[in-house]
Amino acid sequence: MVKPIMKDVLFLGQKSEEATEADRPIIQDLHDTLAAHRESCVGMAANMIGYRKRMIIVSMGLSDVVMINPAIIQKSQPYQTEEGCLSLQGVRKTRRFKKIKVQYLDESFQKHTQEYEGHIAQIIQHECDHLDGILI
């Protein structure tokens, strides 16, 4: 189901809880809501649609990847950039890393460790910040 985008900074500023298999329905809501905002959005955290659960979705070109309980375990090559967010107005400066390594569970709750770089790494970092209550 397409969910409204959360704009409440008090809600968004709270840390998200670990997701469990009981949270599976959120996966479809993330897919549906990202698809509805495809022209202006490349990633989304579950708290952006009202769920305080550690789940994100990232547009990776031909497919959208859901990451459950993602954890960035390595990062390198810091840089300064500007980002926007559906939940916030305007663009803000932030620090990101060109290369990251992430551990996460996929939609089937299977564990993965994957390296990302460039724009995809930036999106993942932005969405993981959301899970920690960090707003750009």
Protein backbone atom coordinates (compact mmCIF):
# COMPACT_ATOMS: atom_id res chain seq x y z
CA MET A 1 0.00 0.00 0.00
CA VAL A 2 1.21 3.51 -0.79
CA LYS A 3 1.74 5.28 2.53
CA PRO A 4 1.91 9.03 3.20
CA ILE A 5 5.39 10.48 3.67
CA MET A 6 6.13 11.31 7.32
CA LYS A 7 7.09 14.95 7.89
CA ASP A 8 7.05 14.97 11.72
CA VAL A 9 10.69 15.62 12.73
CA LEU A 10 10.02 14.43 16.31
CA PHE A 11 8.95 11.02 14.97
CA LEU A 12 11.77 10.96 12.40
CA GLY A 13 14.30 11.87 15.09
CA GLN A 14 13.67 8.65 17.02
CA LYS A 15 15.85 5.58 16.55
CA SER A 16 14.17 2.68 14.79
CA GLU A 17 13.77 -0.77 16.35
CA GLU A 18 15.15 -4.01 14.91
CA ALA A 19 12.81 -5.51 12.31
CA THR A 20 11.57 -9.08 12.67
CA GLU A 21 9.74 -11.49 10.40
CA ALA A 22 6.50 -10.12 11.86
CA ASP A 23 7.32 -6.87 10.03
CA ARG A 24 7.18 -8.47 6.56
CA PRO A 25 4.10 -6.43 5.46
CA ILE A 26 6.23 -3.26 5.64
CA ILE A 27 8.31 -4.57 2.72
CA GLN A 28 5.39 -4.25 0.29
CA ASP A 29 4.54 -0.78 1.64
CA LEU A 30 8.14 0.31 0.99
CA HIS A 31 8.00 -1.05 -2.59
CA ASP A 32 4.63 0.57 -3.29
CA THR A 33 5.50 3.95 -1.77
CA LEU A 34 8.89 4.18 -3.49
CA ALA A 35 7.24 3.30 -6.81
CA ALA A 36 4.66 6.07 -6.27
CA HIS A 37 7.50 8.60 -5.74
CA ARG A 38 9.89 7.21 -8.35
CA GLU A 39 10.40 10.57 -10.11
CA SER A 40 11.62 12.34 -6.96
CA CYS A 41 12.95 9.56 -4.72
CA VAL A 42 15.73 6.95 -4.92
CA GLY A 43 15.50 5.48 -1.44
CA MET A 44 13.29 5.32 1.60
CA ALA A 45 13.48 4.25 5.24
CA ALA A 46 10.52 2.63 6.98
CA ASN A 47 10.19 5.56 9.38
CA MET A 48 9.53 7.83 6.41
CA ILE A 49 6.23 5.98 5.98
CA GLY A 50 5.38 5.73 9.66
CA TYR A 51 7.11 2.54 10.81
CA ARG A 52 9.93 2.78 13.39
CA LYS A 53 11.57 -0.38 12.06
CA ARG A 54 15.10 -0.85 10.71
CA MET A 55 14.19 -1.37 7.07
CA ILE A 56 15.18 0.59 3.96
CA ILE A 57 14.62 0.32 0.23
CA VAL A 58 17.13 1.58 -2.35
CA SER A 59 16.61 2.04 -6.07
CA MET A 60 19.55 0.36 -7.79
CA GLY A 61 18.67 1.01 -11.40
CA LEU A 62 16.72 -1.96 -12.71
CA SER A 63 15.60 -3.15 -9.29
CA ASP A 64 14.77 -1.90 -5.83
CA VAL A 65 16.61 -3.61 -2.96
CA VAL A 66 15.15 -3.92 0.52
CA MET A 67 17.64 -4.07 3.38
CA ILE A 68 16.39 -5.27 6.75
CA ASN A 69 18.42 -4.29 9.82
CA PRO A 70 21.23 -2.80 7.70
CA ALA A 71 24.52 -1.97 9.40
CA ILE A 72 27.36 -0.10 7.73
CA ILE A 73 30.44 -1.98 8.92
CA GLN A 74 33.13 -0.20 6.87
CA LYS A 75 33.39 3.18 5.21
CA SER A 76 36.16 5.01 3.40
CA GLN A 77 36.90 8.09 1.31
CA PRO A 78 34.82 10.80 3.02
CA TYR A 79 33.45 13.73 1.02
CA GLN A 80 31.03 16.64 1.43
CA THR A 81 27.79 16.75 -0.55
CA GLU A 82 24.26 18.13 -0.52
CA GLU A 83 21.11 16.04 -0.26
CA GLY A 84 17.37 16.47 -0.29
CA CYS A 85 14.73 14.29 1.35
CA LEU A 86 11.02 13.69 0.78
CA SER A 87 10.45 14.15 4.52
CA LEU A 88 12.21 17.52 4.68
CA GLN A 89 12.14 20.74 2.69
CA GLY A 90 15.18 21.97 0.84
CA VAL A 91 18.69 20.67 0.42
CA ARG A 92 21.26 20.31 3.19
CA LYS A 93 25.01 19.76 3.36
CA THR A 94 26.25 16.46 4.76
CA ARG A 95 29.32 14.22 4.94
CA ARG A 96 29.27 10.86 3.17
CA PHE A 97 31.73 8.13 2.22
CA LYS A 98 32.43 7.00 -1.36
CA LYS A 99 32.80 3.33 -0.37
CA ILE A 100 30.88 1.36 2.26
CA LYS A 101 30.36 -2.24 3.30
CA VAL A 102 26.89 -3.16 4.57
CA GLN A 103 25.52 -6.21 6.41
CA TYR A 104 21.78 -6.71 6.08
CA LEU A 105 18.98 -9.21 5.71
CA ASP A 106 17.16 -9.47 2.37
CA GLU A 107 13.39 -9.82 1.88
CA SER A 108 13.69 -13.52 2.72
CA PHE A 109 15.60 -12.69 5.91
CA GLN A 110 18.82 -14.13 4.47
CA LYS A 111 22.05 -12.43 5.60
CA HIS A 112 24.27 -10.56 3.12
CA THR A 113 27.46 -8.54 3.27
CA GLN A 114 27.91 -6.28 0.27
CA GLU A 115 30.18 -3.42 -0.79
CA TYR A 116 28.75 -0.34 -2.49
CA GLU A 117 30.26 2.83 -3.85
CA GLY A 118 29.27 6.12 -5.42
CA HIS A 119 25.64 7.18 -5.61
CA ILE A 120 24.23 3.88 -4.29
CA ALA A 121 26.52 4.11 -1.24
CA GLN A 122 25.31 7.67 -0.65
CA ILE A 123 21.65 6.61 -0.77
CA ILE A 124 22.26 3.75 1.68
CA GLN A 125 24.04 6.10 4.10
CA HIS A 126 21.17 8.60 3.93
CA GLU A 127 18.55 5.94 4.64
CA CYS A 128 20.61 4.33 7.44
CA ASP A 129 20.89 7.77 9.04
CA HIS A 130 17.07 7.88 9.06
CA LEU A 131 17.03 4.60 11.01
CA ASP A 132 19.26 6.19 13.64
CA GLY A 133 17.06 9.30 13.89
CA ILE A 134 19.64 11.43 12.07
CA LEU A 135 18.16 14.00 9.69
CA ILE A 136 20.33 15.83 7.20
